[in-house]
Amino acid sequence: MDYRKSQETNNNPPPYPYTTEDAPSYDPPTFHGDAPGSTQLAAATARYPPTLNLYYQWKLKQVYYLGPSSEKKLHAVSLDSKLFSRKQTLLFHDGPTDKAPVLATATRSVSGWSDKATITIRRSDGSDAEILVHRPADSGFMKSATRNFTISTPKGAVEEFQWRTTHGNEIKELAGRSYGWKLIRLSGGQAAPQQKKPDLGFTSDGKEVVAVLAQNMSWSMTKGYRFAFMGSGLTGVFGEDWETAAVFSGFLLWWIAQTDAAAAGSAAGAGAGSAAC
């Protein structure tokens, strides 16, 4: 689904191959604070709408859905878990069901402190792009959820990006009282002075925020998070591969957090049961 091409022709998102309903128009993410111009740019993303929500259902089969609303799901993410395999592969589908073609895969590998995943994007020309999403060696325990990835942009530049956990203003402006992750542009682009209370769209160390993912804090049991492109991430300058990597790596971080929390809960429950015996 090429979001930009559809915008150029009729200012609507790409045609929906699995339904006859008209696709909705998309608005850029809304940020209400006194933000620098970078967060107020008109959305011109290359492939995806500027905001996406994650939806899921409590079933034995793990399938998750991404779209601007629950009525307009654009992508599905499914889990390919092979029997007796320690590796789990996530499949990012180019359509709203797990039967749609696979646009990208993510395979995670954990060994001691090393925690990395390889995202493989299947391009329309038949080639693949492999992107390593990894925990920096110097991240430390307090920043164990930090993840970096490097990618080539359409202009030939190689840039590095970093996901950081946050309770910052970008999260609050997007989803109210919540927490989540922000995607930082580590190299190139705009920069701001280092400050304890940075402007919206920048970090305390002066880096630009190009995407944000906010955990859902409501009582809904079927909505996981809200994702939004920001600043340069809204302009399409990084290309389709970067947008796919940003959306899919954001889902990967959320999924890791959920599975780790579930595993910790199971371990705690097993420990309590053993103590009671």
C-alpha atoms as a PDB file:
ATOM      1  CA  MET A   1       0.000   0.000   0.000  1.00  0.00           C
ATOM      2  CA  ASP A   2       1.697   3.224  -1.181  1.00  0.00           C
ATOM      3  CA  TYR A   3       0.266   6.008   0.937  1.00  0.00           C
ATOM      4  CA  ARG A   4       2.097   8.860  -0.829  1.00  0.00           C
ATOM      5  CA  LYS A   5       1.044   7.947  -4.381  1.00  0.00           C
ATOM      6  CA  SER A   6      -2.591   7.932  -3.331  1.00  0.00           C
ATOM      7  CA  GLN A   7      -2.166  11.320  -1.673  1.00  0.00           C
ATOM      8  CA  GLU A   8      -0.745  12.780  -4.848  1.00  0.00           C
ATOM      9  CA  THR A   9      -3.770  11.711  -6.882  1.00  0.00           C
ATOM     10  CA  ASN A  10      -6.760  12.246  -4.618  1.00  0.00           C
ATOM     11  CA  ASN A  11      -5.393  13.223  -1.199  1.00  0.00           C
ATOM     12  CA  ASN A  12      -6.681   9.974   0.257  1.00  0.00           C
ATOM     13  CA  PRO A  13      -4.751   6.955   1.557  1.00  0.00           C
ATOM     14  CA  PRO A  14      -4.000   4.009  -0.744  1.00  0.00           C
ATOM     15  CA  PRO A  15      -6.793   1.789  -2.064  1.00  0.00           C
ATOM     16  CA  TYR A  16      -7.779  -0.945   0.300  1.00  0.00           C
ATOM     17  CA  PRO A  17      -7.266  -4.255  -1.524  1.00  0.00           C
ATOM     18  CA  TYR A  18      -9.431  -6.262   0.861  1.00  0.00           C
ATOM     19  CA  THR A  19     -12.570  -4.120   1.002  1.00  0.00           C
ATOM     20  CA  THR A  20     -14.716  -1.981  -1.271  1.00  0.00           C
ATOM     21  CA  GLU A  21     -15.165   0.752   1.309  1.00  0.00           C
ATOM     22  CA  ASP A  22     -13.708   4.181   0.588  1.00  0.00           C
ATOM     23  CA  ALA A  23     -10.470   4.804   2.467  1.00  0.00           C
ATOM     24  CA  PRO A  24     -10.514   7.629   5.040  1.00  0.00           C
ATOM     25  CA  SER A  25      -8.558  10.857   4.849  1.00  0.00           C
ATOM     26  CA  TYR A  26      -5.728  11.175   7.356  1.00  0.00           C
ATOM     27  CA  ASP A  27      -4.722  14.093   9.499  1.00  0.00           C
ATOM     28  CA  PRO A  28      -1.222  14.612  10.881  1.00  0.00           C
ATOM     29  CA  PRO A  29      -0.743  13.817  14.583  1.00  0.00           C
ATOM     30  CA  THR A  30      -1.914  16.559  16.918  1.00  0.00           C
ATOM     31  CA  PHE A  31       0.538  18.035  19.416  1.00  0.00           C
ATOM     32  CA  HIS A  32      -0.877  20.835  21.539  1.00  0.00           C
ATOM     33  CA  GLY A  33       2.200  22.235  23.251  1.00  0.00           C
ATOM     34  CA  ASP A  34       4.397  25.145  22.198  1.00  0.00           C
ATOM     35  CA  ALA A  35       6.383  23.111  19.731  1.00  0.00           C
ATOM     36  CA  PRO A  36       9.076  24.050  17.243  1.00  0.00           C
ATOM     37  CA  GLY A  37       8.096  24.068  13.591  1.00  0.00           C
ATOM     38  CA  SER A  38       9.356  20.523  13.086  1.00  0.00           C
ATOM     39  CA  THR A  39       6.296  19.043  14.847  1.00  0.00           C
ATOM     40  CA  GLN A  40       3.856  21.212  12.906  1.00  0.00           C
ATOM     41  CA  LEU A  41       4.788  19.980   9.417  1.00  0.00           C
ATOM     42  CA  ALA A  42       2.076  18.807   7.050  1.00  0.00           C
ATOM     43  CA  ALA A  43       2.165  15.021   6.800  1.00  0.00           C
ATOM     44  CA  ALA A  44       3.926  13.756   3.672  1.00  0.00           C
ATOM     45  CA  THR A  45       4.894  10.268   4.765  1.00  0.00           C
ATOM     46  CA  ALA A  46       5.987   7.929   1.985  1.00  0.00           C
ATOM     47  CA  ARG A  47       3.948   4.817   2.787  1.00  0.00           C
ATOM     48  CA  TYR A  48       2.016   5.027   6.056  1.00  0.00           C
ATOM     49  CA  PRO A  49      -0.536   7.399   7.565  1.00  0.00           C
ATOM     50  CA  PRO A  50       0.994   9.766  10.139  1.00  0.00           C
ATOM     51  CA  THR A  51      -0.659   7.966  13.067  1.00  0.00           C
ATOM     52  CA  LEU A  52      -1.436   4.293  13.673  1.00  0.00           C
ATOM     53  CA  ASN A  53      -3.186   2.450  16.479  1.00  0.00           C
ATOM     54  CA  LEU A  54      -2.514  -1.149  17.466  1.00  0.00           C
ATOM     55  CA  TYR A  55      -5.499  -3.449  17.988  1.00  0.00           C
ATOM     56  CA  TYR A  56      -5.682  -7.089  19.022  1.00  0.00           C
ATOM     57  CA  GLN A  57      -8.105  -9.724  20.267  1.00  0.00           C
ATOM     58  CA  TRP A  58      -7.714 -12.262  23.034  1.00  0.00           C
ATOM     59  CA  LYS A  59      -7.496 -15.453  21.013  1.00  0.00           C
ATOM     60  CA  LEU A  60      -5.206 -18.454  20.880  1.00  0.00           C
ATOM     61  CA  LYS A  61      -3.909 -17.227  17.535  1.00  0.00           C
ATOM     62  CA  GLN A  62      -1.755 -14.135  18.026  1.00  0.00           C
ATOM     63  CA  VAL A  63      -2.640 -11.595  15.338  1.00  0.00           C
ATOM     64  CA  TYR A  64      -2.343  -7.839  15.821  1.00  0.00           C
ATOM     65  CA  TYR A  65      -3.685  -5.051  13.614  1.00  0.00           C
ATOM     66  CA  LEU A  66      -2.390  -1.563  12.768  1.00  0.00           C
ATOM     67  CA  GLY A  67      -4.499   1.235  11.342  1.00  0.00           C
ATOM     68  CA  PRO A  68      -5.722   4.780  11.917  1.00  0.00           C
ATOM     69  CA  SER A  69      -8.925   3.385  13.470  1.00  0.00           C
ATOM     70  CA  SER A  70     -10.453   0.047  14.431  1.00  0.00           C
ATOM     71  CA  GLU A  71     -12.668   0.257  11.329  1.00  0.00           C
ATOM     72  CA  LYS A  72      -9.729   0.936   9.002  1.00  0.00           C
ATOM     73  CA  LYS A  73      -7.029  -1.610   9.752  1.00  0.00           C
ATOM     74  CA  LEU A  74      -4.213  -1.464   7.188  1.00  0.00           C
ATOM     75  CA  HIS A  75      -1.678  -4.059   8.373  1.00  0.00           C
ATOM     76  CA  ALA A  76      -1.614  -7.262  10.366  1.00  0.00           C
ATOM     77  CA  VAL A  77       1.257  -8.658  12.433  1.00  0.00           C
ATOM     78  CA  SER A  78       1.337 -12.371  13.136  1.00  0.00           C
ATOM     79  CA  LEU A  79       3.690 -14.691  14.985  1.00  0.00           C
ATOM     80  CA  ASP A  80       5.481 -17.516  13.209  1.00  0.00           C
ATOM     81  CA  SER A  81       6.593 -19.722  16.099  1.00  0.00           C
ATOM     82  CA  LYS A  82       8.102 -22.964  14.900  1.00  0.00           C
ATOM     83  CA  LEU A  83       7.818 -25.976  17.182  1.00  0.00           C
ATOM     84  CA  PHE A  84      10.933 -26.622  19.293  1.00  0.00           C
ATOM     85  CA  SER A  85      12.600 -23.445  17.963  1.00  0.00           C
ATOM     86  CA  ARG A  86      14.067 -20.859  20.353  1.00  0.00           C
ATOM     87  CA  LYS A  87      13.678 -18.151  17.727  1.00  0.00           C
ATOM     88  CA  GLN A  88      10.361 -16.459  17.106  1.00  0.00           C
ATOM     89  CA  THR A  89       9.655 -14.575  13.917  1.00  0.00           C
ATOM     90  CA  LEU A  90       7.135 -11.761  13.595  1.00  0.00           C
ATOM     91  CA  LEU A  91       5.465 -11.302  10.215  1.00  0.00           C
ATOM     92  CA  PHE A  92       4.371  -7.822   9.135  1.00  0.00           C
ATOM     93  CA  HIS A  93       1.657  -8.176   6.491  1.00  0.00           C
ATOM     94  CA  ASP A  94       0.932  -5.760   3.667  1.00  0.00           C
ATOM     95  CA  GLY A  95      -2.796  -5.906   4.360  1.00  0.00           C
ATOM     96  CA  PRO A  96      -5.306  -6.217   7.227  1.00  0.00           C
ATOM     97  CA  THR A  97      -5.192 -10.015   7.647  1.00  0.00           C
ATOM     98  CA  ASP A  98      -2.537 -12.612   8.383  1.00  0.00           C
ATOM     99  CA  LYS A  99      -3.233 -14.040   4.913  1.00  0.00           C
ATOM    100  CA  ALA A 100      -1.953 -10.882   3.199  1.00  0.00           C
ATOM    101  CA  PRO A 101       1.548 -10.881   1.637  1.00  0.00           C
ATOM    102  CA  VAL A 102       4.438 -10.475   4.067  1.00  0.00           C
ATOM    103  CA  LEU A 103       6.030  -7.037   3.806  1.00  0.00           C
ATOM    104  CA  ALA A 104       8.681  -7.586   6.494  1.00  0.00           C
ATOM    105  CA  THR A 105       9.850 -10.095   9.072  1.00  0.00           C
ATOM    106  CA  ALA A 106      11.566  -9.650  12.426  1.00  0.00           C
ATOM    107  CA  THR A 107      13.544 -12.431  14.100  1.00  0.00           C
ATOM    108  CA  ARG A 108      14.766 -11.875  17.654  1.00  0.00           C
ATOM    109  CA  SER A 109      17.869 -13.445  19.167  1.00  0.00           C
ATOM    110  CA  VAL A 110      18.744 -13.179  22.876  1.00  0.00           C
ATOM    111  CA  SER A 111      22.010 -14.355  24.392  1.00  0.00           C
ATOM    112  CA  GLY A 112      22.930 -13.039  27.816  1.00  0.00           C
ATOM    113  CA  TRP A 113      22.919  -9.244  27.711  1.00  0.00           C
ATOM    114  CA  SER A 114      22.889  -9.270  23.915  1.00  0.00           C
ATOM    115  CA  ASP A 115      19.352  -8.724  22.614  1.00  0.00           C
ATOM    116  CA  LYS A 116      18.936  -8.076  18.911  1.00  0.00           C
ATOM    117  CA  ALA A 117      16.495  -8.580  16.101  1.00  0.00           C
ATOM    118  CA  THR A 118      16.896  -8.604  12.349  1.00  0.00           C
ATOM    119  CA  ILE A 119      14.147  -6.867  10.381  1.00  0.00           C
ATOM    120  CA  THR A 120      14.042  -7.984   6.749  1.00  0.00           C
ATOM    121  CA  ILE A 121      11.999  -5.746   4.454  1.00  0.00           C
ATOM    122  CA  ARG A 122      10.777  -7.267   1.207  1.00  0.00           C
ATOM    123  CA  ARG A 123      10.848  -4.531  -1.418  1.00  0.00           C
ATOM    124  CA  SER A 124       8.568  -4.363  -4.434  1.00  0.00           C
ATOM    125  CA  ASP A 125      11.533  -4.790  -6.810  1.00  0.00           C
ATOM    126  CA  GLY A 126      12.283  -8.222  -5.319  1.00  0.00           C
ATOM    127  CA  SER A 127      15.288  -7.154  -3.244  1.00  0.00           C
ATOM    128  CA  ASP A 128      15.505  -7.304   0.551  1.00  0.00           C
ATOM    129  CA  ALA A 129      16.765  -4.786   3.082  1.00  0.00           C
ATOM    130  CA  GLU A 130      18.114  -6.148   6.367  1.00  0.00           C
ATOM    131  CA  ILE A 131      18.123  -3.874   9.413  1.00  0.00           C
ATOM    132  CA  LEU A 132      19.662  -4.858  12.738  1.00  0.00           C
ATOM    133  CA  VAL A 133      17.784  -3.595  15.795  1.00  0.00           C
ATOM    134  CA  HIS A 134      20.045  -4.050  18.803  1.00  0.00           C
ATOM    135  CA  ARG A 135      20.583  -3.047  22.409  1.00  0.00           C
ATOM    136  CA  PRO A 136      23.649  -0.768  22.641  1.00  0.00           C
ATOM    137  CA  ALA A 137      26.522  -2.341  24.549  1.00  0.00           C
ATOM    138  CA  ASP A 138      26.761   0.697  26.849  1.00  0.00           C
ATOM    139  CA  SER A 139      23.030   0.950  27.575  1.00  0.00           C
ATOM    140  CA  GLY A 140      23.218  -0.377  31.152  1.00  0.00           C
ATOM    141  CA  PHE A 141      20.402  -1.838  33.242  1.00  0.00           C
ATOM    142  CA  MET A 142      18.460   1.439  33.572  1.00  0.00           C
ATOM    143  CA  LYS A 143      18.356   1.754  29.786  1.00  0.00           C
ATOM    144  CA  SER A 144      17.882  -1.918  28.956  1.00  0.00           C
ATOM    145  CA  ALA A 145      14.880  -1.167  26.717  1.00  0.00           C
ATOM    146  CA  THR A 146      16.953   1.120  24.445  1.00  0.00           C
ATOM    147  CA  ARG A 147      17.337  -0.117  20.870  1.00  0.00           C
ATOM    148  CA  ASN A 148      19.346   1.259  17.936  1.00  0.00           C
ATOM    149  CA  PHE A 149      19.169   0.692  14.210  1.00  0.00           C
ATOM    150  CA  THR A 150      21.035   2.083  11.194  1.00  0.00           C
ATOM    151  CA  ILE A 151      19.523   2.539   7.745  1.00  0.00           C
ATOM    152  CA  SER A 152      20.355   4.021   4.338  1.00  0.00           C
ATOM    153  CA  THR A 153      18.101   6.888   3.237  1.00  0.00           C
ATOM    154  CA  PRO A 154      17.001   7.564  -0.362  1.00  0.00           C
ATOM    155  CA  LYS A 155      19.691  10.252  -0.723  1.00  0.00           C
ATOM    156  CA  GLY A 156      22.399   7.725   0.106  1.00  0.00           C
ATOM    157  CA  ALA A 157      23.130   8.868   3.644  1.00  0.00           C
ATOM    158  CA  VAL A 158      23.462   6.245   6.372  1.00  0.00           C
ATOM    159  CA  GLU A 159      21.743   7.399   9.552  1.00  0.00           C
ATOM    160  CA  GLU A 160      21.391   5.924  13.025  1.00  0.00           C
ATOM    161  CA  PHE A 161      18.211   6.028  15.124  1.00  0.00           C
ATOM    162  CA  GLN A 162      17.488   5.053  18.706  1.00  0.00           C
ATOM    163  CA  TRP A 163      14.344   4.036  20.562  1.00  0.00           C
ATOM    164  CA  ARG A 164      14.261   5.298  24.168  1.00  0.00           C
ATOM    165  CA  THR A 165      11.650   4.798  26.844  1.00  0.00           C
ATOM    166  CA  THR A 166       9.906   7.997  27.866  1.00  0.00           C
ATOM    167  CA  HIS A 167       7.217   9.641  29.970  1.00  0.00           C
ATOM    168  CA  GLY A 168       7.908  12.927  28.165  1.00  0.00           C
ATOM    169  CA  ASN A 169       5.765  15.617  26.626  1.00  0.00           C
ATOM    170  CA  GLU A 170       5.510  13.904  23.247  1.00  0.00           C
ATOM    171  CA  ILE A 171       3.760  10.964  24.916  1.00  0.00           C
ATOM    172  CA  LYS A 172       1.474  13.208  26.974  1.00  0.00           C
ATOM    173  CA  GLU A 173       0.499  15.301  23.963  1.00  0.00           C
ATOM    174  CA  LEU A 174      -0.259  12.221  21.858  1.00  0.00           C
ATOM    175  CA  ALA A 175      -2.080  10.032  24.372  1.00  0.00           C
ATOM    176  CA  GLY A 176      -2.511  11.906  27.642  1.00  0.00           C
ATOM    177  CA  ARG A 177      -1.091  10.388  30.799  1.00  0.00           C
ATOM    178  CA  SER A 178       0.900   7.481  29.522  1.00  0.00           C
ATOM    179  CA  TYR A 179       4.388   6.178  28.808  1.00  0.00           C
ATOM    180  CA  GLY A 180       6.120   4.558  25.898  1.00  0.00           C
ATOM    181  CA  TRP A 181       9.043   5.059  23.533  1.00  0.00           C
ATOM    182  CA  LYS A 182      10.396   7.857  21.365  1.00  0.00           C
ATOM    183  CA  LEU A 183      12.505   7.336  18.254  1.00  0.00           C
ATOM    184  CA  ILE A 184      15.523   9.653  18.163  1.00  0.00           C
ATOM    185  CA  ARG A 185      17.539  10.726  15.122  1.00  0.00           C
ATOM    186  CA  LEU A 186      21.104  10.355  16.367  1.00  0.00           C
ATOM    187  CA  SER A 187      22.962  11.624  13.308  1.00  0.00           C
ATOM    188  CA  GLY A 188      22.294  14.612  11.099  1.00  0.00           C
ATOM    189  CA  GLY A 189      19.167  16.717  10.893  1.00  0.00           C
ATOM    190  CA  GLN A 190      17.881  19.304  13.305  1.00  0.00           C
ATOM    191  CA  ALA A 191      19.387  19.815  16.727  1.00  0.00           C
ATOM    192  CA  ALA A 192      18.512  21.883  19.773  1.00  0.00           C
ATOM    193  CA  PRO A 193      20.522  23.053  22.785  1.00  0.00           C
ATOM    194  CA  GLN A 194      20.859  20.560  25.615  1.00  0.00           C
ATOM    195  CA  GLN A 195      18.412  21.441  28.384  1.00  0.00           C
ATOM    196  CA  LYS A 196      16.580  19.786  31.267  1.00  0.00           C
ATOM    197  CA  LYS A 197      13.166  20.784  29.879  1.00  0.00           C
ATOM    198  CA  PRO A 198      13.509  20.516  26.095  1.00  0.00           C
ATOM    199  CA  ASP A 199      11.027  21.841  23.563  1.00  0.00           C
ATOM    200  CA  LEU A 200       8.457  19.427  22.216  1.00  0.00           C
ATOM    201  CA  GLY A 201      10.065  17.301  19.514  1.00  0.00           C
ATOM    202  CA  PHE A 202      13.568  17.294  21.005  1.00  0.00           C
ATOM    203  CA  THR A 203      15.386  15.375  23.721  1.00  0.00           C
ATOM    204  CA  SER A 204      17.288  16.773  26.684  1.00  0.00           C
ATOM    205  CA  ASP A 205      20.554  16.065  24.813  1.00  0.00           C
ATOM    206  CA  GLY A 206      19.362  18.073  21.792  1.00  0.00           C
ATOM    207  CA  LYS A 207      18.362  15.236  19.445  1.00  0.00           C
ATOM    208  CA  GLU A 208      15.289  15.331  17.218  1.00  0.00           C
ATOM    209  CA  VAL A 209      12.315  13.039  17.953  1.00  0.00           C
ATOM    210  CA  VAL A 210      11.045  11.533  14.677  1.00  0.00           C
ATOM    211  CA  ALA A 211       8.409   9.104  15.996  1.00  0.00           C
ATOM    212  CA  VAL A 212       6.691   8.253  19.257  1.00  0.00           C
ATOM    213  CA  LEU A 213       4.775   5.240  20.570  1.00  0.00           C
ATOM    214  CA  ALA A 214       2.406   5.693  23.526  1.00  0.00           C
ATOM    215  CA  GLN A 215       1.088   2.786  25.570  1.00  0.00           C
ATOM    216  CA  ASN A 216      -2.678   2.638  25.897  1.00  0.00           C
ATOM    217  CA  MET A 217      -3.618   3.479  29.500  1.00  0.00           C
ATOM    218  CA  SER A 218      -7.403   3.203  29.106  1.00  0.00           C
ATOM    219  CA  TRP A 219      -9.526   0.261  30.185  1.00  0.00           C
ATOM    220  CA  SER A 220      -9.686  -1.015  26.612  1.00  0.00           C
ATOM    221  CA  MET A 221      -8.470  -4.610  26.387  1.00  0.00           C
ATOM    222  CA  THR A 222      -8.144  -4.534  22.598  1.00  0.00           C
ATOM    223  CA  LYS A 223      -6.085  -1.386  21.920  1.00  0.00           C
ATOM    224  CA  GLY A 224      -2.376  -1.653  22.652  1.00  0.00           C
ATOM    225  CA  TYR A 225      -0.778   1.662  21.709  1.00  0.00           C
ATOM    226  CA  ARG A 226      -0.789   4.766  19.522  1.00  0.00           C
ATOM    227  CA  PHE A 227       2.091   5.449  17.124  1.00  0.00           C
ATOM    228  CA  ALA A 228       2.860   8.780  15.416  1.00  0.00           C
ATOM    229  CA  PHE A 229       5.536  10.125  13.131  1.00  0.00           C
ATOM    230  CA  MET A 230       7.009  13.481  14.178  1.00  0.00           C
ATOM    231  CA  GLY A 231       9.262  16.188  12.793  1.00  0.00           C
ATOM    232  CA  SER A 232      11.415  14.953   9.910  1.00  0.00           C
ATOM    233  CA  GLY A 233       9.668  11.594  10.214  1.00  0.00           C
ATOM    234  CA  LEU A 234       6.508  13.231   8.857  1.00  0.00           C
ATOM    235  CA  THR A 235       8.160  14.485   5.665  1.00  0.00           C
ATOM    236  CA  GLY A 236       8.959  11.216   3.886  1.00  0.00           C
ATOM    237  CA  VAL A 237      12.620  12.251   3.615  1.00  0.00           C
ATOM    238  CA  PHE A 238      13.860   8.963   5.118  1.00  0.00           C
ATOM    239  CA  GLY A 239      11.961   6.806   2.610  1.00  0.00           C
ATOM    240  CA  GLU A 240       9.668   3.791   2.742  1.00  0.00           C
ATOM    241  CA  ASP A 241      12.219   1.384   4.217  1.00  0.00           C
ATOM    242  CA  TRP A 242      12.776   3.698   7.186  1.00  0.00           C
ATOM    243  CA  GLU A 243       9.051   4.136   7.770  1.00  0.00           C
ATOM    244  CA  THR A 244       8.552   0.366   7.725  1.00  0.00           C
ATOM    245  CA  ALA A 245      11.510  -0.073  10.093  1.00  0.00           C
ATOM    246  CA  ALA A 246      10.132   2.604  12.441  1.00  0.00           C
ATOM    247  CA  VAL A 247       6.615   1.150  12.529  1.00  0.00           C
ATOM    248  CA  PHE A 248       7.738  -2.473  12.798  1.00  0.00           C
ATOM    249  CA  SER A 249      10.550  -1.902  15.329  1.00  0.00           C
ATOM    250  CA  GLY A 250       8.089   0.089  17.458  1.00  0.00           C
ATOM    251  CA  PHE A 251       5.739  -2.881  17.441  1.00  0.00           C
ATOM    252  CA  LEU A 252       8.696  -5.159  18.270  1.00  0.00           C
ATOM    253  CA  LEU A 253       9.575  -3.130  21.383  1.00  0.00           C
ATOM    254  CA  TRP A 254       5.964  -3.184  22.565  1.00  0.00           C
ATOM    255  CA  TRP A 255       5.688  -6.924  21.920  1.00  0.00           C
ATOM    256  CA  ILE A 256       8.929  -7.637  23.806  1.00  0.00           C
ATOM    257  CA  ALA A 257       7.671  -5.592  26.763  1.00  0.00           C
ATOM    258  CA  GLN A 258       4.375  -7.507  26.811  1.00  0.00           C
ATOM    259  CA  THR A 259       5.938 -10.965  26.521  1.00  0.00           C
ATOM    260  CA  ASP A 260       8.606 -10.166  29.128  1.00  0.00           C
ATOM    261  CA  ALA A 261       5.923  -8.888  31.527  1.00  0.00           C
ATOM    262  CA  ALA A 262       3.834 -12.016  30.948  1.00  0.00           C
ATOM    263  CA  ALA A 263       6.856 -14.256  31.562  1.00  0.00           C
ATOM    264  CA  ALA A 264       7.702 -12.381  34.767  1.00  0.00           C
ATOM    265  CA  GLY A 265       4.110 -12.730  35.949  1.00  0.00           C
ATOM    266  CA  SER A 266       4.117 -16.459  35.246  1.00  0.00           C
ATOM    267  CA  ALA A 267       7.405 -16.893  37.104  1.00  0.00           C
ATOM    268  CA  ALA A 268       6.095 -14.951  40.090  1.00  0.00           C
ATOM    269  CA  GLY A 269       2.931 -17.028  40.120  1.00  0.00           C
ATOM    270  CA  ALA A 270       4.912 -20.262  39.953  1.00  0.00           C
ATOM    271  CA  GLY A 271       7.117 -19.079  42.804  1.00  0.00           C
ATOM    272  CA  ALA A 272       4.126 -18.223  44.951  1.00  0.00           C
ATOM    273  CA  GLY A 273       2.594 -21.609  44.216  1.00  0.00           C
ATOM    274  CA  SER A 274       5.765 -23.428  45.231  1.00  0.00           C
ATOM    275  CA  ALA A 275       5.979 -21.458  48.460  1.00  0.00           C
ATOM    276  CA  ALA A 276       2.411 -22.383  49.321  1.00  0.00           C
ATOM    277  CA  CYS A 277       3.104 -26.107  48.943  1.00  0.00           C
END
